[in-house]
Protein backbone atom coordinates (compact mmCIF):
# COMPACT_ATOMS: atom_id res chain seq x y z
CA MET A 1 93.57 119.82 87.62
CA PRO A 2 96.77 121.70 86.71
CA LYS A 3 99.47 119.43 85.26
CA TYR A 4 103.14 120.08 85.86
CA ASP A 5 106.49 118.51 85.13
CA VAL A 6 107.78 119.38 88.62
CA VAL A 7 106.04 120.50 91.80
CA ILE A 8 108.25 121.80 94.61
CA ILE A 9 106.80 121.57 98.11
CA GLY A 10 108.23 124.42 100.16
CA ALA A 11 109.30 127.96 99.23
CA GLY A 12 112.32 128.30 101.49
CA ILE A 13 115.84 128.86 100.16
CA THR A 14 116.11 125.27 98.87
CA GLY A 15 112.81 125.36 96.98
CA ALA A 16 113.39 128.91 95.80
CA MET A 17 116.90 128.28 94.46
CA LEU A 18 115.70 125.10 92.74
CA SER A 19 112.73 126.89 91.16
CA TRP A 20 115.06 129.57 89.81
CA LYS A 21 117.53 127.12 88.32
CA LEU A 22 114.74 124.94 86.87
CA SER A 23 113.19 127.99 85.20
CA GLN A 24 115.99 128.02 82.63
CA TYR A 25 114.55 124.81 81.17
CA GLN A 26 111.40 124.11 79.16
CA LEU A 27 109.42 122.78 82.10
CA ARG A 28 106.12 123.58 83.71
CA THR A 29 107.02 124.06 87.35
CA ALA A 30 105.00 125.02 90.42
CA ILE A 31 105.92 125.83 94.01
CA ILE A 32 103.37 125.19 96.73
CA GLU A 33 103.86 126.79 100.14
CA LYS A 34 101.76 126.37 103.26
CA GLU A 35 102.40 129.91 104.54
CA ASN A 36 101.10 133.30 103.42
CA ASP A 37 104.48 134.26 101.94
CA VAL A 38 107.69 132.69 100.71
CA ALA A 39 110.71 131.92 102.93
CA GLU A 40 108.77 132.01 106.19
CA GLY A 41 110.63 129.20 107.97
CA ALA A 42 114.32 128.55 108.57
CA THR A 43 115.25 130.79 105.62
CA MET A 44 113.86 133.83 107.39
CA ALA A 45 115.47 133.31 110.81
CA ASN A 46 119.10 132.18 110.77
CA SER A 47 122.67 133.45 110.92
CA ALA A 48 122.75 134.44 107.21
CA VAL A 49 126.36 133.27 106.84
CA ILE A 50 127.68 131.89 103.55
CA HIS A 51 130.03 129.35 105.09
CA VAL A 52 132.92 128.59 102.73
CA GLY A 53 133.05 124.86 103.51
CA TYR A 54 135.86 124.12 105.98
CA ASP A 55 133.57 122.63 108.66
CA PRO A 56 131.62 119.64 107.18
CA GLU A 57 133.15 116.19 107.46
CA GLU A 58 134.98 114.57 104.54
CA GLY A 59 132.91 112.36 102.27
CA THR A 60 129.59 114.08 103.01
CA LEU A 61 127.14 115.90 100.77
CA LYS A 62 127.46 118.83 103.17
CA GLY A 63 131.18 119.03 102.50
CA GLU A 64 130.82 118.72 98.72
CA LEU A 65 127.84 121.02 98.21
CA ASN A 66 128.87 123.67 100.74
CA VAL A 67 132.08 124.45 98.85
CA LYS A 68 130.35 124.43 95.45
CA GLY A 69 127.38 126.48 96.61
CA ALA A 70 129.35 129.17 98.41
CA LEU A 71 131.43 129.85 95.30
CA GLN A 72 128.26 130.67 93.35
CA TYR A 73 126.88 133.30 95.70
CA PRO A 74 128.75 136.44 94.59
CA SER A 75 127.61 136.00 90.97
CA ILE A 76 124.06 134.97 91.97
CA CYS A 77 123.67 138.03 94.17
CA GLU A 78 125.03 140.28 91.45
CA LYS A 79 122.64 138.81 88.88
CA LEU A 80 119.59 139.08 91.17
CA HIS A 81 120.59 142.41 92.76
CA CYS A 82 120.81 140.98 96.26
CA ALA A 83 123.17 142.13 99.00
CA PHE A 84 126.38 140.15 99.55
CA ARG A 85 128.86 141.43 102.13
CA GLN A 86 132.25 139.74 102.37
CA THR A 87 132.95 140.16 106.06
CA GLY A 88 135.34 137.28 106.58
CA ALA A 89 134.91 134.72 109.36
CA TRP A 90 137.30 134.36 112.29
CA ILE A 91 137.50 131.11 114.25
CA ALA A 92 138.80 132.19 117.65
CA ALA A 93 140.69 129.59 119.66
CA CYS A 94 141.04 129.83 123.43
CA GLY A 95 144.11 127.85 124.50
CA ALA A 96 146.32 125.09 123.11
CA GLU A 97 143.64 122.41 122.80
CA GLU A 98 141.42 124.61 120.64
CA GLU A 99 144.40 125.82 118.61
CA ALA A 100 145.05 122.18 117.72
CA HIS A 101 141.50 121.95 116.38
CA LEU A 102 142.19 125.01 114.21
CA ASP A 103 145.01 123.01 112.61
CA LEU A 104 142.47 120.31 111.66
CA LEU A 105 140.16 122.92 110.08
CA ALA A 106 143.07 124.43 108.17
CA ALA A 107 144.09 120.99 106.85
CA ARG A 108 140.53 120.37 105.70
CA ALA A 109 140.46 123.78 104.01
CA ASP A 110 143.70 122.95 102.20
CA LYS A 111 142.09 119.81 100.72
CA ARG A 112 139.15 121.87 99.48
CA ASN A 113 141.17 124.81 98.14
CA ILE A 114 139.56 127.22 100.61
CA PRO A 115 141.79 130.24 101.27
CA TYR A 116 142.62 131.30 104.84
CA ARG A 117 145.27 133.06 106.88
CA TRP A 118 146.51 132.83 110.46
CA ARG A 119 146.37 135.73 112.92
CA SER A 120 148.18 135.93 116.22
CA ARG A 121 146.36 137.35 119.22
CA GLU A 122 148.17 140.67 118.77
CA GLU A 123 147.31 140.90 115.06
CA ALA A 124 143.70 139.99 115.73
CA LEU A 125 143.27 142.54 118.53
CA ALA A 126 144.43 145.31 116.21
CA GLU A 127 141.29 144.73 114.10
CA GLU A 128 138.91 143.32 116.69
CA PRO A 129 139.63 144.99 120.06
CA ASN A 130 136.58 143.33 121.66
CA LEU A 131 138.07 139.83 121.48
CA SER A 132 138.00 138.25 124.93
CA ASP A 133 141.06 137.83 127.09
CA GLN A 134 140.81 134.05 126.52
CA VAL A 135 141.42 134.19 122.74
CA THR A 136 144.94 133.06 121.85
CA ARG A 137 144.90 132.58 118.05
CA VAL A 138 142.56 133.13 115.10
CA LEU A 139 142.00 131.28 111.82
CA ASP A 140 140.66 133.79 109.27
CA PHE A 141 138.49 132.53 106.38
CA TYR A 142 138.44 135.90 104.69
CA THR A 143 136.22 135.00 101.71
CA THR A 144 133.24 134.24 103.98
CA GLY A 145 130.26 136.52 103.44
CA VAL A 146 126.77 137.27 104.66
CA ILE A 147 123.55 137.70 102.73
CA TYR A 148 119.93 138.47 103.55
CA PRO A 149 118.57 134.94 102.96
CA TRP A 150 114.97 136.04 102.65
CA GLU A 151 115.93 138.53 99.92
CA VAL A 152 117.75 135.85 97.93
CA ALA A 153 114.84 133.39 98.18
CA GLU A 154 112.29 136.01 97.15
CA ALA A 155 114.49 137.19 94.27
CA CYS A 156 114.91 133.62 93.00
CA ILE A 157 111.15 133.06 93.01
CA GLU A 158 110.45 136.45 91.42
CA SER A 159 112.84 135.61 88.58
CA ALA A 160 111.40 132.09 88.25
CA ILE A 161 107.87 133.50 88.02
CA GLY A 162 109.09 135.75 85.22
CA ASN A 163 110.16 132.59 83.38
CA GLY A 164 106.77 130.90 83.84
CA THR A 165 106.99 129.19 87.24
CA GLU A 166 103.74 129.29 89.20
CA LEU A 167 103.56 130.00 92.95
CA TYR A 168 100.72 128.91 95.23
CA LEU A 169 100.61 130.30 98.78
CA ASN A 170 98.39 129.17 101.66
CA ALA A 171 98.60 125.71 100.11
CA PRO A 172 99.66 123.18 102.76
CA CYS A 173 100.09 119.68 101.36
CA GLN A 174 97.27 117.50 102.74
CA HIS A 175 97.56 114.32 100.69
CA ILE A 176 99.83 112.84 98.02
CA GLU A 177 98.77 109.95 95.83
CA ARG A 178 100.50 107.99 93.09
CA ILE A 179 98.54 108.27 89.82
CA GLY A 180 99.74 106.70 86.59
CA GLY A 181 103.38 107.60 86.13
CA GLY A 182 103.21 110.62 88.40
CA TRP A 183 101.65 112.13 91.50
CA ARG A 184 98.60 114.07 92.65
CA ILE A 185 99.03 116.57 95.48
CA ASP A 186 95.94 117.83 97.30
CA THR A 187 95.94 121.23 99.05
CA PRO A 188 93.29 123.77 100.13
CA ALA A 189 94.37 125.80 97.10
CA GLY A 190 93.51 122.92 94.76
CA SER A 191 94.98 119.67 93.50
CA PHE A 192 98.09 119.41 91.35
CA GLU A 193 99.12 116.63 89.01
CA THR A 194 102.83 116.32 88.37
CA ALA A 195 105.45 113.97 87.00
CA TYR A 196 108.00 114.80 89.75
CA VAL A 197 107.73 115.99 93.33
CA ILE A 198 110.53 117.70 95.26
CA ASN A 199 110.05 117.60 99.02
CA ALA A 200 111.72 120.78 100.29
CA ALA A 201 109.39 121.28 103.26
CA GLY A 202 112.03 122.11 105.88
CA VAL A 203 111.03 121.15 109.42
CA HIS A 204 107.96 119.39 107.96
CA ALA A 205 109.87 117.30 105.39
CA GLU A 206 109.32 114.08 107.34
CA ASP A 207 105.55 114.70 107.35
CA ILE A 208 105.57 115.04 103.57
CA HIS A 209 107.83 112.00 103.13
CA ALA A 210 105.46 109.92 105.28
CA MET A 211 102.67 110.53 102.76
CA VAL A 212 104.47 108.35 100.19
CA ALA A 213 106.81 106.01 102.12
CA GLU A 214 107.95 104.88 105.54
CA SER A 215 110.77 107.06 106.79
CA LYS A 216 114.24 105.73 107.62
CA TRP A 217 115.10 109.04 109.27
CA HIS A 218 113.26 111.27 111.70
CA SER A 219 112.90 115.00 112.13
CA THR A 220 114.55 116.45 115.26
CA PRO A 221 114.27 120.23 114.72
CA ARG A 222 116.30 122.60 116.88
CA LYS A 223 115.61 126.19 117.83
CA GLY A 224 118.20 128.96 117.65
CA GLU A 225 117.64 132.29 119.44
CA TYR A 226 119.31 135.61 118.62
CA TYR A 227 119.76 139.19 119.76
CA VAL A 228 119.76 142.00 117.18
CA LEU A 229 121.94 144.96 118.17
CA ASP A 230 121.30 148.49 116.92
CA ASP A 231 123.28 149.35 113.79
CA ASP A 232 125.22 152.12 115.54
CA THR A 233 126.89 149.66 117.93
CA GLN A 234 128.92 147.53 115.47
CA PRO A 235 131.01 145.68 118.08
CA VAL A 236 132.70 143.48 115.43
CA LYS A 237 133.87 143.86 111.85
CA HIS A 238 134.12 140.13 111.10
CA ILE A 239 131.95 137.12 111.92
CA ILE A 240 133.42 135.75 115.14
CA PHE A 241 133.05 131.99 115.74
CA PRO A 242 134.21 129.91 118.67
CA VAL A 243 136.00 126.69 117.76
CA PRO A 244 133.23 124.25 116.72
CA SER A 245 132.46 121.12 118.72
CA LYS A 246 130.18 118.09 118.43
CA GLU A 247 128.28 119.18 121.54
CA LYS A 248 127.69 122.84 120.59
CA GLY A 249 128.04 122.80 116.79
CA LYS A 250 129.28 126.13 115.46
CA GLY A 251 128.48 127.78 118.80
CA VAL A 252 127.36 131.32 119.62
CA LEU A 253 128.50 133.85 117.01
CA ALA A 254 128.68 137.58 116.47
CA ILE A 255 127.60 138.42 112.92
CA PRO A 256 127.74 141.82 111.20
CA THR A 257 124.80 141.77 108.79
CA VAL A 258 124.31 143.23 105.32
CA HIS A 259 122.28 146.01 106.98
CA CYS A 260 125.12 146.84 109.45
CA ASP A 261 123.33 145.74 112.59
CA THR A 262 124.78 142.78 114.52
CA LEU A 263 123.34 139.37 115.37
CA ILE A 264 124.41 137.58 118.53
CA GLY A 265 123.44 133.88 118.72
CA PRO A 266 122.27 131.20 118.43
CA ASN A 267 121.68 128.56 121.06
CA SER A 268 120.56 125.08 119.96
CA ASP A 269 117.62 123.43 121.71
CA TYR A 270 115.60 120.46 120.44
CA LEU A 271 111.89 121.12 119.90
CA GLU A 272 108.70 119.20 120.44
CA ASP A 273 106.72 121.67 118.28
CA PRO A 274 108.55 122.43 115.01
CA ASP A 275 106.51 125.62 114.59
CA ASP A 276 107.49 127.08 117.98
CA VAL A 277 109.54 130.19 117.16
CA GLY A 278 109.19 132.01 120.48
CA THR A 279 112.24 133.19 122.37
CA THR A 280 112.86 132.00 125.94
CA ASP A 281 114.61 133.40 128.99
CA ASP A 282 116.83 130.32 129.22
CA GLY A 283 117.73 130.39 125.52
CA LEU A 284 118.72 134.05 125.54
CA ALA A 285 120.65 133.59 128.80
CA TYR A 286 122.63 130.83 127.09
CA VAL A 287 123.49 133.23 124.25
CA ARG A 288 124.58 135.94 126.69
CA ASN A 289 126.75 133.58 128.70
CA ASN A 290 128.43 131.88 125.75
CA ILE A 291 129.28 134.92 123.64
CA ALA A 292 131.54 135.96 126.53
CA LYS A 293 133.94 133.14 125.66
CA THR A 294 135.16 134.89 122.51
CA LEU A 295 134.08 138.52 122.94
CA LYS A 296 133.78 141.19 125.60
CA ASN A 297 132.11 144.62 125.70
CA ILE A 298 129.15 143.37 123.65
CA PRO A 299 126.37 145.94 124.24
CA LEU A 300 123.43 143.57 124.66
CA ASN A 301 121.63 146.44 126.37
CA ARG A 302 121.45 148.01 122.91
CA SER A 303 119.42 145.11 121.54
CA ILE A 304 116.47 146.29 119.45
CA ARG A 305 114.93 142.85 118.97
CA THR A 306 115.23 139.15 119.75
CA PHE A 307 114.02 136.36 117.49
CA ALA A 308 114.21 132.61 117.00
CA GLY A 309 114.37 130.25 114.04
CA ASN A 310 114.11 126.49 113.75
CA ARG A 311 116.67 124.31 111.97
CA PRO A 312 115.31 121.33 109.96
CA THR A 313 117.64 118.88 111.71
CA THR A 314 117.01 115.14 111.41
CA THR A 315 118.59 111.94 112.71
CA SER A 316 120.75 111.96 109.57
CA PRO A 317 124.13 113.66 110.06
CA ASP A 318 124.13 114.67 106.39
CA PHE A 319 121.80 116.30 103.88
CA ILE A 320 119.16 113.88 102.55
CA ILE A 321 118.86 114.47 98.80
CA GLU A 322 117.63 111.40 96.97
CA GLU A 323 114.79 109.73 95.15
CA VAL A 324 112.67 107.93 97.73
CA GLU A 325 112.83 104.15 97.59
CA GLY A 326 109.51 102.75 96.39
CA ALA A 327 108.29 106.22 95.32
CA PRO A 328 109.66 106.86 91.82
CA HIS A 329 110.11 110.51 90.85
CA PHE A 330 109.58 111.67 94.43
CA ILE A 331 112.78 113.38 95.63
CA ASP A 332 113.57 114.37 99.21
CA ALA A 333 115.57 117.51 99.90
CA ALA A 334 115.52 117.11 103.66
CA SER A 335 117.77 117.68 106.67
CA ILE A 336 118.99 120.89 105.01
CA GLU A 337 120.42 122.46 108.16
CA SER A 338 123.64 124.49 108.32
CA PRO A 339 125.37 124.93 105.90
CA GLY A 340 122.10 124.68 103.95
CA ILE A 341 121.84 128.31 102.86
CA ALA A 342 125.44 128.38 101.63
CA SER A 343 124.92 125.04 99.88
CA SER A 344 121.54 125.81 98.27
CA PRO A 345 122.81 126.71 94.76
CA ALA A 346 124.71 123.41 94.62
CA ILE A 347 121.77 121.53 96.18
CA ALA A 348 119.65 122.78 93.28
CA ASP A 349 122.29 121.59 90.79
CA TYR A 350 122.40 118.19 92.53
CA ILE A 351 118.61 117.77 92.29
CA ILE A 352 118.62 118.83 88.65
CA GLU A 353 121.25 116.15 87.99
CA ILE A 354 118.92 113.56 89.59
CA LEU A 355 116.04 114.78 87.42
CA SER A 356 118.18 114.63 84.27
CA ARG A 357 118.67 110.87 84.70
CA SER A 358 115.03 110.18 83.87
CA MET A 359 113.70 113.29 82.11
CA LYS A 360 114.89 115.35 79.17
CA LEU A 361 115.90 118.87 80.09
CA GLU A 362 115.88 121.35 77.22
CA ARG A 363 117.05 124.92 77.67
CA ASN A 364 114.56 127.74 77.39
CA GLU A 365 116.45 130.23 75.25
CA ASN A 366 114.06 133.01 76.31
CA ALA A 367 114.63 132.52 80.04
CA ASP A 368 115.88 135.63 81.84
CA MET A 369 117.87 134.56 84.88
CA SER A 370 118.33 138.09 86.19
CA ARG A 371 116.05 140.37 88.18
CA LYS A 372 115.39 144.07 87.83
CA LYS A 373 116.97 145.99 90.67
CA PRO A 374 114.27 147.28 93.03
CA PRO A 375 114.23 151.08 93.50
CA ILE A 376 115.90 151.87 96.85
CA ILE A 377 115.87 155.57 97.66
CA ALA A 378 118.53 155.29 100.39
CA GLU A 379 121.01 153.80 97.89
CA MET A 380 120.47 156.41 95.15
CA THR A 381 122.65 159.39 94.34
CA PRO A 382 120.95 162.79 94.75
CA GLU A 383 120.50 162.96 90.97
CA GLU A 384 118.97 159.49 90.78
CA ARG A 385 116.68 160.29 93.70
CA GLN A 386 115.40 163.46 92.05
CA ALA A 387 114.75 161.62 88.79
CA GLN A 388 112.85 158.89 90.65
CA ILE A 389 110.72 161.44 92.52
CA ALA A 390 110.01 163.33 89.31
CA ALA A 391 108.73 160.10 87.76
CA ASP A 392 106.71 159.15 90.87
CA PRO A 393 106.21 161.65 93.72
CA ALA A 394 105.40 158.78 96.14
CA PHE A 395 109.16 158.24 96.40
CA ALA A 396 109.45 161.62 98.14
CA LYS A 397 107.23 160.55 101.04
CA ILE A 398 109.33 158.82 103.70
CA ILE A 399 107.33 156.22 105.62
CA CYS A 400 110.13 154.57 107.64
CA ARG A 401 112.37 157.20 109.23
CA CYS A 402 114.83 154.73 110.73
CA ASN A 403 115.76 153.17 107.38
CA GLN A 404 114.64 155.97 105.05
CA ILE A 405 112.08 153.96 103.10
CA SER A 406 109.57 155.74 100.90
CA GLU A 407 105.95 155.09 100.04
CA GLY A 408 106.99 154.50 96.42
CA GLU A 409 109.25 151.61 97.44
CA ILE A 410 106.49 150.04 99.53
CA VAL A 411 103.98 150.29 96.68
CA ALA A 412 106.50 148.77 94.24
CA CYS A 413 107.14 145.79 96.52
CA ILE A 414 103.40 145.11 96.78
CA ARG A 415 102.79 145.30 93.03
CA LYS A 416 105.71 143.20 91.78
CA PRO A 417 105.61 139.43 91.13
CA CYS A 418 105.73 137.54 94.43
CA GLY A 419 104.73 140.84 96.04
CA ALA A 420 104.09 141.53 99.71
CA ARG A 421 100.63 140.78 101.09
CA SER A 422 101.22 141.53 104.79
CA VAL A 423 103.00 143.94 107.09
CA LYS A 424 105.68 141.36 107.74
CA GLY A 425 106.00 140.74 104.00
CA ILE A 426 106.83 144.40 103.46
CA ARG A 427 109.15 144.41 106.47
CA LYS A 428 111.14 141.47 105.05
CA ARG A 429 111.38 142.92 101.55
CA LEU A 430 112.29 146.49 102.45
CA GLY A 431 112.96 146.86 106.18
CA PRO A 432 110.29 149.24 107.56
CA GLY A 433 109.85 148.19 111.17
CA MET A 434 113.35 146.67 111.38
CA GLY A 435 115.07 149.82 112.59
CA ARG A 436 115.45 151.34 116.03
CA CYS A 437 111.74 152.08 116.57
CA GLN A 438 110.69 148.57 115.42
CA GLY A 439 107.66 149.90 113.55
CA GLY A 440 106.43 152.35 116.19
CA PHE A 441 106.25 155.16 113.63
CA CYS A 442 105.83 153.45 110.28
CA GLU A 443 103.64 150.40 110.89
CA PRO A 444 100.28 152.26 110.94
CA LYS A 445 101.18 153.91 107.65
CA VAL A 446 102.19 150.54 106.16
CA VAL A 447 98.77 149.16 107.14
CA GLN A 448 97.09 152.04 105.30
CA ILE A 449 99.17 151.49 102.16
CA LEU A 450 98.49 147.74 102.13
CA ALA A 451 94.75 148.28 102.51
CA ARG A 452 94.72 150.78 99.64
CA GLU A 453 96.88 148.73 97.28
CA LEU A 454 95.12 145.40 97.96
CA GLY A 455 91.67 146.96 97.86
CA ILE A 456 90.72 145.72 101.33
CA SER A 457 89.65 147.21 104.65
CA PRO A 458 92.41 148.04 107.15
CA LEU A 459 90.66 145.51 109.40
CA GLU A 460 91.61 142.81 106.86
CA VAL A 461 95.31 143.69 106.75
CA LEU A 462 97.45 140.88 108.15
CA TYR A 463 100.64 141.15 110.12
CA ASP A 464 101.78 137.78 108.71
CA GLY A 465 99.74 134.63 108.11
CA THR A 466 96.04 133.89 108.09
CA GLY A 467 94.33 135.14 111.26
CA SER A 468 97.06 137.65 112.19
CA ASN A 469 94.86 140.71 111.65
CA ILE A 470 96.40 143.75 113.30
CA LEU A 471 93.18 145.70 113.78
CA GLN A 472 90.16 144.11 115.41
CA SER A 473 87.46 146.80 115.16
CA GLU A 474 86.76 150.39 114.24
CA ASN A 475 86.84 152.98 117.02
CA ARG A 476 85.18 156.30 116.36
CA ILE A 477 85.57 159.10 118.89
């Protein structure tokens, strides 16, 4: 039975960021994940906004960790070669009552040293001509940015693996038992003995908690549905928020992404099945109707995809990050809903502080907290591209025409640590299938490359998780 100092349950952004930060210490750490790849849950399907921290209530962990976490993102993304785009976020008020709420947000930002500026309707229209006729004033949090959350999570785990962290996929937690001074975790991938357990299981955190103690909080996950607009539409330059409310949260947004397409969404509907990530007619209608409050001329007819993601909401109004009463060395990292992605670097620091109270943390002087930049043909100069092709001719063969992605890039993302093992895994890492044709041209070629690189039949190639085989049988004509 493998023995670890720390086992992290869940490879979303919380578990990934924690694994990366723990890898700088002399610890034996493992991450166990129930899915076929990392960051398959809320981390993969969300608004991707690095909120700067003006929204959470005073005296909450959300308020404290959001501000601290957001400040770390530019340097983290630079170190791990991940995209960070500082778009700025505009909170658009419609009328005097909502303008008064902007004053409250500005006062909160002042207390937290978050920079902002005011824009009149006329000033705002000069930059964002698609603002609706109802918008009267804008509060501009210009340091707000967007990331590709999946990329950051995968990069963190790749770097952590380089420092000795071990990753186990297809390993859902089935049973946890107290043994001696630690814990044993049973999964289909084997059993793990560990001194500390971190429960970062997202929408399933309550299920994991219930294996060791009675819960004082309950999971109430919510679904958010989105449109993705083609990258040649670009109806906004900034993230456009309505004024937040208790009933609708942050509301329906327009978000320019790091890849220059635009997200429109989300709604917020409570779920009975936390794994239900299907879109609905009613949910998408809600998005269409509510974006009209702040914006007009949004070309939803140019949508290339819709998707949904589930927030790990609970009955707690705040993050739950604490050692579980009656379960020593078992730490919950639960209820990590918005602003969870922005807060995740500081959440990791907070958990490490909890660990340091009862275990000795010694730095690993050989730890490399960076990541080698992946080769991206579309981002290279002509000279760099020619040198890359000369070294490996596979980089000259374009597989994805929409996003100009080469066979060499696809092969590299399969072979690297925490590499892709499915069509969706390659799509998330590189983007083939995320362009205008949505995989119509490139997906068959991706299947062929995966089969060759993994040494399997094309019939065994998965779209995503276990059982999602794309091809069912051979057909000879």
